[in-house]
Amino acid sequence: MQELPPLTLVKTWLEVVQLLEIPISIREKRSKLITYYFGSIEQAQIYVEDNDDYNILGV
């Protein structure tokens, strides 16, 4: 099993994918990375939600 990238990096990739100000080529590259590691953007979002202790605290 391959090691997943750091949580902060995954969160950054997810933000980049959603920002329309970022050039499409960069958003596509980040989407491919997310898909490579998680299978889909939705799965990456679930991973972040499940592992982000800061988010769990509601802060």
Protein backbone atom coordinates (compact mmCIF):
# COMPACT_ATOMS: atom_id res chain seq x y z
CA MET A 1 0.00 0.00 0.00
CA GLN A 2 1.35 3.39 -0.93
CA GLU A 3 1.67 6.19 1.58
CA LEU A 4 -0.82 9.04 1.30
CA PRO A 5 0.38 12.63 0.98
CA PRO A 6 0.24 14.86 4.07
CA LEU A 7 -3.24 16.05 5.03
CA THR A 8 -2.31 19.71 4.57
CA LEU A 9 -1.18 19.02 1.01
CA VAL A 10 -4.41 17.20 0.19
CA LYS A 11 -6.41 20.12 1.59
CA THR A 12 -4.41 22.51 -0.59
CA TRP A 13 -4.97 20.39 -3.69
CA LEU A 14 -8.71 20.36 -3.01
CA GLU A 15 -8.73 24.15 -2.66
CA VAL A 16 -6.77 24.60 -5.90
CA VAL A 17 -9.20 22.36 -7.81
CA GLN A 18 -12.13 24.53 -6.73
CA LEU A 19 -10.63 27.97 -7.40
CA LEU A 20 -11.64 29.27 -10.80
CA GLU A 21 -8.87 31.90 -10.67
CA ILE A 22 -6.28 29.12 -10.96
CA PRO A 23 -5.39 28.20 -14.56
CA ILE A 24 -7.23 25.11 -15.80
CA SER A 25 -3.99 23.23 -16.49
CA ILE A 26 -2.96 23.50 -12.83
CA ARG A 27 -6.44 22.49 -11.62
CA GLU A 28 -6.37 19.47 -13.94
CA LYS A 29 -2.95 18.38 -12.67
CA ARG A 30 -4.11 18.58 -9.06
CA SER A 31 -7.29 16.69 -9.95
CA LYS A 32 -5.17 13.91 -11.47
CA LEU A 33 -3.04 13.73 -8.31
CA ILE A 34 -6.14 13.52 -6.13
CA THR A 35 -7.60 10.81 -8.35
CA TYR A 36 -4.32 8.90 -8.30
CA TYR A 37 -4.18 8.81 -4.50
CA PHE A 38 -7.88 8.66 -3.59
CA GLY A 39 -9.83 7.55 -6.67
CA SER A 40 -11.98 10.68 -6.72
CA ILE A 41 -12.23 14.20 -5.37
CA GLU A 42 -15.16 13.10 -3.21
CA GLN A 43 -13.04 10.38 -1.58
CA ALA A 44 -10.28 12.91 -0.89
CA GLN A 45 -12.82 15.22 0.75
CA ILE A 46 -14.03 12.37 2.94
CA TYR A 47 -10.41 11.58 3.86
CA VAL A 48 -9.85 15.20 4.92
CA GLU A 49 -13.08 15.32 6.92
CA ASP A 50 -12.26 12.06 8.69
CA ASN A 51 -8.66 13.01 9.51
CA ASP A 52 -8.73 16.74 10.13
CA ASP A 53 -8.67 17.06 13.92
CA TYR A 54 -8.84 20.84 13.64
CA ASN A 55 -12.11 20.54 11.71
CA ILE A 56 -13.57 18.06 14.21
CA LEU A 57 -13.18 20.60 16.99
CA GLY A 58 -15.45 22.94 15.04
CA VAL A 59 -12.94 25.76 15.07
